Amino acid sequence: MITITFLGTVSGIPSLSRNHPAIVLEHFTDIREVFLFDCGEGTQKQLMKSDVSFMAIDKIFISHWHADHFAGLIPMIQTMNLEKRQKPLTIFAPEAERFVSNILDMGYFGLRFPVKAVNVPFEGSEITKIDETENYEISSIPVLHSVPSVAFCFKEKDKWNIYEDKLEEKGIKKGPWLKKLKKEGKVVWDDQEIKIENVGYVKEGLKVVYSGDTAPCDNIIKISRDADLLIHDGTFLEEDVGSKAHADVKEAAKLAKKAGVKKLVLTHISRRYTNPKELEDQAREILPDAVVARDMMKIRLKKE
């Protein structure tokens, strides 16, 4: 299961109702892992409101180095230090080593914990795997913005699930050997060979894509194919576009439709729009279920 909380949803300049961009993703398996995508000003306070501890975050993904997407890193890292954090923190981003080094050199403070910076490719059209565990992989692709910028994809790994009734039919008892069966695909139990395809099925993992700031581009379609959720830049109404660095809500909806995305959430909303309904109405001309994000909105994703 995945829970996503939108901590900040504004573009550029904050308003009373919208904070700078930040999205926290909680992934639940046998353990809970917490990931942060972008970290605008005020993110740590928004995390406090969300009941997600910033101390639980081990990996942060910065889409690009505009201040509204990273300025919250500076106070949050210092607060982690004051709270005596010891476990490592990893920050993934375009030119991460350069910018993270600059951030850590700010002010008179020394860290109790290691911060690792991982550079993410920001040119071309290739999808790059940047992180992987037994349960998921995270990839990135360059997008079209005024500075080096990327989109990120969080993808659960497909898992084998076992039909308990099929085990009963064969007179097989559950046990620790099932873990070996899922890993190796077959196992000998009580002198009979059990193949996983005869007693199980593949459960597809969830897929979530976060565009960061981007004008419409084919790379978003490429990385978002069949995603369960696409979180996309929807800064403007169609008639208000004055920038080639962002998408309007209709453009984002068209991209989501081409990619076969199951759900589209638009974020990075210009402060000029005080009523999200007008943005949703335009997007829903293309995708009837499109949603405009609001601060502290939660989405839960689970495969049946």
C-alpha atoms as a PDB file:
ATOM      1  CA  MET A   1       0.000   0.000   0.000  1.00  0.00           C
ATOM      2  CA  ILE A   2       1.096   3.571  -0.685  1.00  0.00           C
ATOM      3  CA  THR A   3      -0.084   6.735   1.049  1.00  0.00           C
ATOM      4  CA  ILE A   4       0.748  10.102  -0.505  1.00  0.00           C
ATOM      5  CA  THR A   5       0.381  13.414   1.320  1.00  0.00           C
ATOM      6  CA  PHE A   6       0.611  16.706  -0.567  1.00  0.00           C
ATOM      7  CA  LEU A   7       2.496  18.993   1.818  1.00  0.00           C
ATOM      8  CA  GLY A   8       2.746  21.938  -0.565  1.00  0.00           C
ATOM      9  CA  THR A   9       1.041  22.577  -3.897  1.00  0.00           C
ATOM     10  CA  VAL A  10       1.794  26.142  -4.995  1.00  0.00           C
ATOM     11  CA  SER A  11       3.882  27.467  -7.872  1.00  0.00           C
ATOM     12  CA  GLY A  12       6.665  29.909  -7.077  1.00  0.00           C
ATOM     13  CA  ILE A  13       5.216  32.219  -4.438  1.00  0.00           C
ATOM     14  CA  PRO A  14       3.307  30.729  -1.472  1.00  0.00           C
ATOM     15  CA  SER A  15      -0.181  31.806  -0.486  1.00  0.00           C
ATOM     16  CA  LEU A  16      -2.145  31.520   2.751  1.00  0.00           C
ATOM     17  CA  SER A  17      -3.658  28.237   1.555  1.00  0.00           C
ATOM     18  CA  ARG A  18      -0.778  26.738  -0.444  1.00  0.00           C
ATOM     19  CA  ASN A  19       2.794  26.033   0.648  1.00  0.00           C
ATOM     20  CA  HIS A  20       5.850  25.446  -1.499  1.00  0.00           C
ATOM     21  CA  PRO A  21       6.078  22.057  -3.284  1.00  0.00           C
ATOM     22  CA  ALA A  22       6.664  18.896  -1.274  1.00  0.00           C
ATOM     23  CA  ILE A  23       5.104  15.445  -1.423  1.00  0.00           C
ATOM     24  CA  VAL A  24       5.640  12.662   1.101  1.00  0.00           C
ATOM     25  CA  LEU A  25       5.161   9.047  -0.008  1.00  0.00           C
ATOM     26  CA  GLU A  26       4.776   6.272   2.567  1.00  0.00           C
ATOM     27  CA  HIS A  27       5.287   2.722   1.331  1.00  0.00           C
ATOM     28  CA  PHE A  28       3.928  -0.146   3.417  1.00  0.00           C
ATOM     29  CA  THR A  29       5.088  -3.753   3.108  1.00  0.00           C
ATOM     30  CA  ASP A  30       6.357  -5.710   6.090  1.00  0.00           C
ATOM     31  CA  ILE A  31       8.010  -2.394   6.973  1.00  0.00           C
ATOM     32  CA  ARG A  32       7.080   1.271   6.423  1.00  0.00           C
ATOM     33  CA  GLU A  33       9.398   3.473   4.382  1.00  0.00           C
ATOM     34  CA  VAL A  34       9.026   7.224   3.916  1.00  0.00           C
ATOM     35  CA  PHE A  35      10.205   9.213   0.877  1.00  0.00           C
ATOM     36  CA  LEU A  36      10.101  12.950   0.216  1.00  0.00           C
ATOM     37  CA  PHE A  37       9.749  14.404  -3.274  1.00  0.00           C
ATOM     38  CA  ASP A  38      10.867  18.049  -3.330  1.00  0.00           C
ATOM     39  CA  CYS A  39      11.278  20.073  -0.168  1.00  0.00           C
ATOM     40  CA  GLY A  40      10.096  23.656  -0.425  1.00  0.00           C
ATOM     41  CA  GLU A  41      10.140  26.234   2.342  1.00  0.00           C
ATOM     42  CA  GLY A  42       8.087  25.156   5.364  1.00  0.00           C
ATOM     43  CA  THR A  43       8.146  21.435   4.584  1.00  0.00           C
ATOM     44  CA  GLN A  44       9.153  20.338   8.074  1.00  0.00           C
ATOM     45  CA  LYS A  45       6.196  22.174   9.625  1.00  0.00           C
ATOM     46  CA  GLN A  46       3.844  20.655   7.053  1.00  0.00           C
ATOM     47  CA  LEU A  47       5.221  17.228   7.963  1.00  0.00           C
ATOM     48  CA  MET A  48       4.389  17.924  11.606  1.00  0.00           C
ATOM     49  CA  LYS A  49       0.788  18.670  10.593  1.00  0.00           C
ATOM     50  CA  SER A  50       0.648  15.465   8.564  1.00  0.00           C
ATOM     51  CA  ASP A  51       1.774  13.230  11.464  1.00  0.00           C
ATOM     52  CA  VAL A  52       4.720  12.004   9.365  1.00  0.00           C
ATOM     53  CA  SER A  53       8.023  12.467  11.184  1.00  0.00           C
ATOM     54  CA  PHE A  54      10.798  14.032   9.139  1.00  0.00           C
ATOM     55  CA  MET A  55      13.125  11.762  11.131  1.00  0.00           C
ATOM     56  CA  ALA A  56      11.542   8.784   9.328  1.00  0.00           C
ATOM     57  CA  ILE A  57      12.681  10.065   5.922  1.00  0.00           C
ATOM     58  CA  ASP A  58      15.780   8.312   4.599  1.00  0.00           C
ATOM     59  CA  LYS A  59      15.612   9.361   0.929  1.00  0.00           C
ATOM     60  CA  ILE A  60      14.769  12.738  -0.607  1.00  0.00           C
ATOM     61  CA  PHE A  61      14.256  13.338  -4.334  1.00  0.00           C
ATOM     62  CA  ILE A  62      14.685  16.908  -5.603  1.00  0.00           C
ATOM     63  CA  SER A  63      13.299  17.469  -9.107  1.00  0.00           C
ATOM     64  CA  HIS A  64      15.366  20.642  -9.722  1.00  0.00           C
ATOM     65  CA  TRP A  65      17.203  23.387  -7.900  1.00  0.00           C
ATOM     66  CA  HIS A  66      14.712  26.246  -7.892  1.00  0.00           C
ATOM     67  CA  ALA A  67      14.362  27.533  -4.330  1.00  0.00           C
ATOM     68  CA  ASP A  68      10.642  26.784  -4.045  1.00  0.00           C
ATOM     69  CA  HIS A  69      11.533  23.083  -4.481  1.00  0.00           C
ATOM     70  CA  PHE A  70      14.581  22.790  -2.214  1.00  0.00           C
ATOM     71  CA  ALA A  71      14.814  25.657   0.315  1.00  0.00           C
ATOM     72  CA  GLY A  72      13.157  23.518   3.005  1.00  0.00           C
ATOM     73  CA  LEU A  73      16.183  21.213   3.003  1.00  0.00           C
ATOM     74  CA  ILE A  74      18.330  23.747   4.846  1.00  0.00           C
ATOM     75  CA  PRO A  75      16.262  24.035   8.068  1.00  0.00           C
ATOM     76  CA  MET A  76      15.080  20.412   7.969  1.00  0.00           C
ATOM     77  CA  ILE A  77      18.613  18.986   7.873  1.00  0.00           C
ATOM     78  CA  GLN A  78      19.587  21.257  10.757  1.00  0.00           C
ATOM     79  CA  THR A  79      16.518  20.153  12.760  1.00  0.00           C
ATOM     80  CA  MET A  80      17.383  16.498  12.112  1.00  0.00           C
ATOM     81  CA  ASN A  81      20.815  17.292  13.514  1.00  0.00           C
ATOM     82  CA  LEU A  82      19.378  18.983  16.616  1.00  0.00           C
ATOM     83  CA  GLU A  83      17.187  15.912  17.155  1.00  0.00           C
ATOM     84  CA  LYS A  84      20.401  13.820  17.217  1.00  0.00           C
ATOM     85  CA  ARG A  85      19.771  11.906  14.031  1.00  0.00           C
ATOM     86  CA  GLN A  86      22.457   9.321  13.324  1.00  0.00           C
ATOM     87  CA  LYS A  87      21.181   7.280  10.378  1.00  0.00           C
ATOM     88  CA  PRO A  88      22.211   8.338   6.865  1.00  0.00           C
ATOM     89  CA  LEU A  89      20.149  10.613   4.598  1.00  0.00           C
ATOM     90  CA  THR A  90      20.377  10.259   0.799  1.00  0.00           C
ATOM     91  CA  ILE A  91      19.429  13.083  -1.567  1.00  0.00           C
ATOM     92  CA  PHE A  92      18.852  12.317  -5.250  1.00  0.00           C
ATOM     93  CA  ALA A  93      18.786  15.203  -7.751  1.00  0.00           C
ATOM     94  CA  PRO A  94      20.303  16.647 -10.914  1.00  0.00           C
ATOM     95  CA  GLU A  95      23.754  17.952  -9.949  1.00  0.00           C
ATOM     96  CA  ALA A  96      23.123  16.705  -6.412  1.00  0.00           C
ATOM     97  CA  GLU A  97      26.763  16.597  -5.311  1.00  0.00           C
ATOM     98  CA  ARG A  98      27.281  20.263  -6.181  1.00  0.00           C
ATOM     99  CA  PHE A  99      24.153  21.655  -4.528  1.00  0.00           C
ATOM    100  CA  VAL A 100      24.049  19.405  -1.462  1.00  0.00           C
ATOM    101  CA  SER A 101      27.685  20.291  -0.746  1.00  0.00           C
ATOM    102  CA  ASN A 102      26.752  23.993  -0.887  1.00  0.00           C
ATOM    103  CA  ILE A 103      23.832  23.462   1.504  1.00  0.00           C
ATOM    104  CA  LEU A 104      25.960  21.563   4.021  1.00  0.00           C
ATOM    105  CA  ASP A 105      28.567  24.341   3.951  1.00  0.00           C
ATOM    106  CA  MET A 106      25.998  26.940   5.055  1.00  0.00           C
ATOM    107  CA  GLY A 107      26.247  28.213   8.610  1.00  0.00           C
ATOM    108  CA  TYR A 108      28.264  27.140  11.647  1.00  0.00           C
ATOM    109  CA  PHE A 109      26.974  23.654  12.274  1.00  0.00           C
ATOM    110  CA  GLY A 110      28.435  20.178  11.958  1.00  0.00           C
ATOM    111  CA  LEU A 111      26.311  17.134  11.223  1.00  0.00           C
ATOM    112  CA  ARG A 112      26.065  14.068  13.443  1.00  0.00           C
ATOM    113  CA  PHE A 113      24.855  11.978  10.522  1.00  0.00           C
ATOM    114  CA  PRO A 114      26.071  11.315   6.957  1.00  0.00           C
ATOM    115  CA  VAL A 115      24.351  12.928   3.975  1.00  0.00           C
ATOM    116  CA  LYS A 116      24.929  11.228   0.640  1.00  0.00           C
ATOM    117  CA  ALA A 117      24.286  13.071  -2.642  1.00  0.00           C
ATOM    118  CA  VAL A 118      23.404  11.059  -5.764  1.00  0.00           C
ATOM    119  CA  ASN A 119      23.587  12.753  -9.160  1.00  0.00           C
ATOM    120  CA  VAL A 120      20.635  12.038 -11.464  1.00  0.00           C
ATOM    121  CA  PRO A 121      20.971  12.359 -15.269  1.00  0.00           C
ATOM    122  CA  PHE A 122      19.162  15.436 -16.616  1.00  0.00           C
ATOM    123  CA  GLU A 123      19.773  15.239 -20.367  1.00  0.00           C
ATOM    124  CA  GLY A 124      18.398  12.910 -23.028  1.00  0.00           C
ATOM    125  CA  SER A 125      15.368  10.626 -23.123  1.00  0.00           C
ATOM    126  CA  GLU A 126      16.491   7.529 -21.228  1.00  0.00           C
ATOM    127  CA  ILE A 127      14.779   6.235 -18.108  1.00  0.00           C
ATOM    128  CA  THR A 128      17.470   5.676 -15.455  1.00  0.00           C
ATOM    129  CA  LYS A 129      17.097   3.398 -12.439  1.00  0.00           C
ATOM    130  CA  ILE A 130      18.514   5.403  -9.529  1.00  0.00           C
ATOM    131  CA  ASP A 131      17.522   3.277  -6.523  1.00  0.00           C
ATOM    132  CA  GLU A 132      16.397  -0.293  -5.908  1.00  0.00           C
ATOM    133  CA  THR A 133      15.511  -2.593  -3.028  1.00  0.00           C
ATOM    134  CA  GLU A 134      13.815  -5.966  -2.714  1.00  0.00           C
ATOM    135  CA  ASN A 135      10.416  -4.238  -2.694  1.00  0.00           C
ATOM    136  CA  TYR A 136      10.674  -1.334  -5.162  1.00  0.00           C
ATOM    137  CA  GLU A 137      12.715   0.575  -7.682  1.00  0.00           C
ATOM    138  CA  ILE A 138      12.895   4.301  -8.328  1.00  0.00           C
ATOM    139  CA  SER A 139      13.766   5.741 -11.711  1.00  0.00           C
ATOM    140  CA  SER A 140      14.046   9.164 -13.297  1.00  0.00           C
ATOM    141  CA  ILE A 141      13.912  10.850 -16.688  1.00  0.00           C
ATOM    142  CA  PRO A 142      14.823  14.386 -17.828  1.00  0.00           C
ATOM    143  CA  VAL A 143      11.914  16.800 -18.351  1.00  0.00           C
ATOM    144  CA  LEU A 144      11.492  20.175 -20.038  1.00  0.00           C
ATOM    145  CA  HIS A 145      12.072  23.120 -17.713  1.00  0.00           C
ATOM    146  CA  SER A 146      14.185  26.289 -17.548  1.00  0.00           C
ATOM    147  CA  VAL A 147      16.926  24.553 -15.520  1.00  0.00           C
ATOM    148  CA  PRO A 148      18.054  20.895 -15.319  1.00  0.00           C
ATOM    149  CA  SER A 149      14.987  19.025 -14.078  1.00  0.00           C
ATOM    150  CA  VAL A 150      13.736  15.454 -13.836  1.00  0.00           C
ATOM    151  CA  ALA A 151      10.602  13.426 -13.175  1.00  0.00           C
ATOM    152  CA  PHE A 152      10.680  10.514 -10.732  1.00  0.00           C
ATOM    153  CA  CYS A 153       8.888   7.153 -10.836  1.00  0.00           C
ATOM    154  CA  PHE A 154       8.296   4.966  -7.766  1.00  0.00           C
ATOM    155  CA  LYS A 155       7.433   1.392  -8.813  1.00  0.00           C
ATOM    156  CA  GLU A 156       6.652  -1.490  -6.483  1.00  0.00           C
ATOM    157  CA  LYS A 157       8.089  -4.768  -7.682  1.00  0.00           C
ATOM    158  CA  ASP A 158       5.597  -7.364  -8.870  1.00  0.00           C
ATOM    159  CA  LYS A 159       5.090 -10.091  -6.275  1.00  0.00           C
ATOM    160  CA  TRP A 160       3.911 -13.673  -6.324  1.00  0.00           C
ATOM    161  CA  ASN A 161       0.889 -14.368  -4.131  1.00  0.00           C
ATOM    162  CA  ILE A 162      -0.163 -17.890  -3.181  1.00  0.00           C
ATOM    163  CA  TYR A 163      -3.661 -19.342  -3.592  1.00  0.00           C
ATOM    164  CA  GLU A 164      -4.317 -20.985  -0.237  1.00  0.00           C
ATOM    165  CA  ASP A 165      -7.141 -23.120  -1.650  1.00  0.00           C
ATOM    166  CA  LYS A 166      -4.776 -24.624  -4.241  1.00  0.00           C
ATOM    167  CA  LEU A 167      -2.371 -25.584  -1.482  1.00  0.00           C
ATOM    168  CA  GLU A 168      -5.248 -27.291   0.337  1.00  0.00           C
ATOM    169  CA  GLU A 169      -6.263 -29.151  -2.830  1.00  0.00           C
ATOM    170  CA  LYS A 170      -2.753 -30.598  -3.066  1.00  0.00           C
ATOM    171  CA  GLY A 171      -2.621 -31.353   0.656  1.00  0.00           C
ATOM    172  CA  ILE A 172       0.232 -28.893   1.136  1.00  0.00           C
ATOM    173  CA  LYS A 173       0.764 -27.142   4.435  1.00  0.00           C
ATOM    174  CA  LYS A 174       1.937 -23.542   4.601  1.00  0.00           C
ATOM    175  CA  GLY A 175       5.366 -22.917   6.039  1.00  0.00           C
ATOM    176  CA  PRO A 176       8.691 -21.093   5.731  1.00  0.00           C
ATOM    177  CA  TRP A 177       9.396 -22.975   2.485  1.00  0.00           C
ATOM    178  CA  LEU A 178       6.885 -20.675   0.719  1.00  0.00           C
ATOM    179  CA  LYS A 179       9.433 -17.856   0.883  1.00  0.00           C
ATOM    180  CA  LYS A 180      11.875 -20.035  -1.049  1.00  0.00           C
ATOM    181  CA  LEU A 181       9.141 -20.893  -3.573  1.00  0.00           C
ATOM    182  CA  LYS A 182       8.451 -17.187  -4.223  1.00  0.00           C
ATOM    183  CA  LYS A 183      12.154 -16.494  -4.638  1.00  0.00           C
ATOM    184  CA  GLU A 184      13.189 -19.477  -6.769  1.00  0.00           C
ATOM    185  CA  GLY A 185       9.956 -20.351  -8.590  1.00  0.00           C
ATOM    186  CA  LYS A 186       9.906 -23.999  -7.601  1.00  0.00           C
ATOM    187  CA  VAL A 187      10.625 -26.147  -4.576  1.00  0.00           C
ATOM    188  CA  VAL A 188      10.391 -29.799  -3.504  1.00  0.00           C
ATOM    189  CA  TRP A 189       7.932 -30.376  -0.688  1.00  0.00           C
ATOM    190  CA  ASP A 190       7.252 -33.853   0.703  1.00  0.00           C
ATOM    191  CA  ASP A 191       8.805 -35.514  -2.387  1.00  0.00           C
ATOM    192  CA  GLN A 192       6.723 -33.481  -4.882  1.00  0.00           C
ATOM    193  CA  GLU A 193       7.932 -30.561  -6.992  1.00  0.00           C
ATOM    194  CA  ILE A 194       5.786 -27.476  -6.541  1.00  0.00           C
ATOM    195  CA  LYS A 195       5.950 -24.805  -9.266  1.00  0.00           C
ATOM    196  CA  ILE A 196       4.813 -21.347  -8.276  1.00  0.00           C
ATOM    197  CA  GLU A 197       2.722 -20.798 -11.422  1.00  0.00           C
ATOM    198  CA  ASN A 198       0.572 -23.785 -10.379  1.00  0.00           C
ATOM    199  CA  VAL A 199      -0.273 -22.435  -6.930  1.00  0.00           C
ATOM    200  CA  GLY A 200       0.108 -18.656  -7.260  1.00  0.00           C
ATOM    201  CA  TYR A 201      -0.448 -15.513  -9.303  1.00  0.00           C
ATOM    202  CA  VAL A 202       1.509 -12.333  -9.974  1.00  0.00           C
ATOM    203  CA  LYS A 203       0.302  -9.225  -8.156  1.00  0.00           C
ATOM    204  CA  GLU A 204       1.419  -6.153 -10.085  1.00  0.00           C
ATOM    205  CA  GLY A 205       3.136  -3.434  -8.081  1.00  0.00           C
ATOM    206  CA  LEU A 206       1.839   0.106  -7.805  1.00  0.00           C
ATOM    207  CA  LYS A 207       3.409   2.811  -9.965  1.00  0.00           C
ATOM    208  CA  VAL A 208       3.531   6.523  -9.045  1.00  0.00           C
ATOM    209  CA  VAL A 209       5.125   9.263 -11.173  1.00  0.00           C
ATOM    210  CA  TYR A 210       5.965  12.808 -10.048  1.00  0.00           C
ATOM    211  CA  SER A 211       6.761  15.240 -12.852  1.00  0.00           C
ATOM    212  CA  GLY A 212       8.299  18.119 -10.907  1.00  0.00           C
ATOM    213  CA  ASP A 213       8.187  21.324 -12.983  1.00  0.00           C
ATOM    214  CA  THR A 214       7.846  20.675 -16.699  1.00  0.00           C
ATOM    215  CA  ALA A 215       6.357  21.863 -19.931  1.00  0.00           C
ATOM    216  CA  PRO A 216       4.606  19.112 -21.924  1.00  0.00           C
ATOM    217  CA  CYS A 217       7.150  16.559 -23.181  1.00  0.00           C
ATOM    218  CA  ASP A 218       7.273  13.016 -24.520  1.00  0.00           C
ATOM    219  CA  ASN A 219       9.556  11.893 -21.690  1.00  0.00           C
ATOM    220  CA  ILE A 220       6.644  12.208 -19.263  1.00  0.00           C
ATOM    221  CA  ILE A 221       4.551   9.889 -21.422  1.00  0.00           C
ATOM    222  CA  LYS A 222       7.458   7.448 -21.585  1.00  0.00           C
ATOM    223  CA  ILE A 223       7.967   7.162 -17.819  1.00  0.00           C
ATOM    224  CA  SER A 224       4.241   7.326 -16.969  1.00  0.00           C
ATOM    225  CA  ARG A 225       2.956   4.425 -19.095  1.00  0.00           C
ATOM    226  CA  ASP A 226       0.087   2.691 -17.249  1.00  0.00           C
ATOM    227  CA  ALA A 227       0.923   4.439 -13.963  1.00  0.00           C
ATOM    228  CA  ASP A 228      -1.566   4.129 -11.139  1.00  0.00           C
ATOM    229  CA  LEU A 229      -0.972   7.803 -10.347  1.00  0.00           C
ATOM    230  CA  LEU A 230       0.636  10.709 -12.197  1.00  0.00           C
ATOM    231  CA  ILE A 231       1.298  13.866 -10.173  1.00  0.00           C
ATOM    232  CA  HIS A 232       1.875  16.540 -12.799  1.00  0.00           C
ATOM    233  CA  ASP A 233       2.665  20.232 -13.078  1.00  0.00           C
ATOM    234  CA  GLY A 234      -0.639  22.023 -13.726  1.00  0.00           C
ATOM    235  CA  THR A 235       0.398  25.606 -13.126  1.00  0.00           C
ATOM    236  CA  PHE A 236      -2.039  27.399 -15.438  1.00  0.00           C
ATOM    237  CA  LEU A 237      -5.386  27.376 -17.138  1.00  0.00           C
ATOM    238  CA  GLU A 238      -5.121  26.858 -20.886  1.00  0.00           C
ATOM    239  CA  GLU A 239      -5.740  30.516 -21.722  1.00  0.00           C
ATOM    240  CA  ASP A 240      -3.233  31.838 -19.147  1.00  0.00           C
ATOM    241  CA  VAL A 241      -0.040  30.102 -20.222  1.00  0.00           C
ATOM    242  CA  GLY A 242       2.747  32.654 -20.289  1.00  0.00           C
ATOM    243  CA  SER A 243       5.665  30.310 -19.751  1.00  0.00           C
ATOM    244  CA  LYS A 244       7.302  27.566 -21.783  1.00  0.00           C
ATOM    245  CA  ALA A 245       8.597  25.955 -18.576  1.00  0.00           C
ATOM    246  CA  HIS A 246       5.267  24.699 -17.222  1.00  0.00           C
ATOM    247  CA  ALA A 247       2.137  22.874 -18.355  1.00  0.00           C
ATOM    248  CA  ASP A 248      -1.455  24.028 -18.345  1.00  0.00           C
ATOM    249  CA  VAL A 249      -4.046  21.659 -16.918  1.00  0.00           C
ATOM    250  CA  LYS A 250      -5.347  20.554 -20.319  1.00  0.00           C
ATOM    251  CA  GLU A 251      -1.860  19.746 -21.573  1.00  0.00           C
ATOM    252  CA  ALA A 252      -1.184  17.663 -18.472  1.00  0.00           C
ATOM    253  CA  ALA A 253      -4.477  15.810 -18.900  1.00  0.00           C
ATOM    254  CA  LYS A 254      -3.701  15.045 -22.550  1.00  0.00           C
ATOM    255  CA  LEU A 255      -0.309  13.604 -21.577  1.00  0.00           C
ATOM    256  CA  ALA A 256      -1.887  11.475 -18.849  1.00  0.00           C
ATOM    257  CA  LYS A 257      -4.476  10.161 -21.286  1.00  0.00           C
ATOM    258  CA  LYS A 258      -1.811   9.245 -23.872  1.00  0.00           C
ATOM    259  CA  ALA A 259       0.178   7.419 -21.198  1.00  0.00           C
ATOM    260  CA  GLY A 260      -2.846   5.412 -20.025  1.00  0.00           C
ATOM    261  CA  VAL A 261      -2.560   6.780 -16.490  1.00  0.00           C
ATOM    262  CA  LYS A 262      -5.254   5.568 -14.092  1.00  0.00           C
ATOM    263  CA  LYS A 263      -5.369   8.747 -11.968  1.00  0.00           C
ATOM    264  CA  LEU A 264      -4.087  12.281 -12.558  1.00  0.00           C
ATOM    265  CA  VAL A 265      -3.457  14.816  -9.792  1.00  0.00           C
ATOM    266  CA  LEU A 266      -2.434  18.339 -10.803  1.00  0.00           C
ATOM    267  CA  THR A 267      -0.181  20.360  -8.533  1.00  0.00           C
ATOM    268  CA  HIS A 268       2.201  23.375  -8.608  1.00  0.00           C
ATOM    269  CA  ILE A 269      -0.812  25.690  -8.910  1.00  0.00           C
ATOM    270  CA  SER A 270      -0.257  29.393  -9.568  1.00  0.00           C
ATOM    271  CA  ARG A 271      -1.370  31.582  -6.654  1.00  0.00           C
ATOM    272  CA  ARG A 272      -3.601  33.542  -9.059  1.00  0.00           C
ATOM    273  CA  TYR A 273      -6.187  30.723  -8.853  1.00  0.00           C
ATOM    274  CA  THR A 274      -8.155  30.823  -5.630  1.00  0.00           C
ATOM    275  CA  ASN A 275     -10.831  28.402  -6.836  1.00  0.00           C
ATOM    276  CA  PRO A 276      -9.435  25.013  -7.943  1.00  0.00           C
ATOM    277  CA  LYS A 277     -12.762  24.118  -9.596  1.00  0.00           C
ATOM    278  CA  GLU A 278     -11.975  26.146 -12.718  1.00  0.00           C
ATOM    279  CA  LEU A 279      -8.732  24.200 -13.125  1.00  0.00           C
ATOM    280  CA  GLU A 280     -10.445  20.865 -12.530  1.00  0.00           C
ATOM    281  CA  ASP A 281     -13.221  21.716 -14.978  1.00  0.00           C
ATOM    282  CA  GLN A 282     -10.715  22.283 -17.783  1.00  0.00           C
ATOM    283  CA  ALA A 283      -8.709  19.141 -17.010  1.00  0.00           C
ATOM    284  CA  ARG A 284     -11.896  17.078 -16.815  1.00  0.00           C
ATOM    285  CA  GLU A 285     -12.765  17.976 -20.378  1.00  0.00           C
ATOM    286  CA  ILE A 286      -9.936  15.558 -21.204  1.00  0.00           C
ATOM    287  CA  LEU A 287      -9.894  13.256 -18.145  1.00  0.00           C
ATOM    288  CA  PRO A 288     -13.176  13.166 -16.184  1.00  0.00           C
ATOM    289  CA  ASP A 289     -11.520  12.076 -12.927  1.00  0.00           C
ATOM    290  CA  ALA A 290      -8.625  14.581 -12.867  1.00  0.00           C
ATOM    291  CA  VAL A 291      -8.075  16.237  -9.485  1.00  0.00           C
ATOM    292  CA  VAL A 292      -6.350  19.457  -8.416  1.00  0.00           C
ATOM    293  CA  ALA A 293      -4.236  18.898  -5.302  1.00  0.00           C
ATOM    294  CA  ARG A 294      -4.623  20.925  -2.141  1.00  0.00           C
ATOM    295  CA  ASP A 295      -2.268  21.149   0.816  1.00  0.00           C
ATOM    296  CA  MET A 296      -2.552  18.175   3.216  1.00  0.00           C
ATOM    297  CA  MET A 297      -4.634  16.152   0.738  1.00  0.00           C
ATOM    298  CA  LYS A 298      -4.031  12.398   1.102  1.00  0.00           C
ATOM    299  CA  ILE A 299      -4.304   9.651  -1.511  1.00  0.00           C
ATOM    300  CA  ARG A 300      -4.155   5.938  -0.679  1.00  0.00           C
ATOM    301  CA  LEU A 301      -3.291   3.401  -3.351  1.00  0.00           C
ATOM    302  CA  LYS A 302      -3.726  -0.339  -2.972  1.00  0.00           C
ATOM    303  CA  LYS A 303      -3.849  -3.182  -5.477  1.00  0.00           C
ATOM    304  CA  GLU A 304      -6.836  -5.460  -5.014  1.00  0.00           C
END
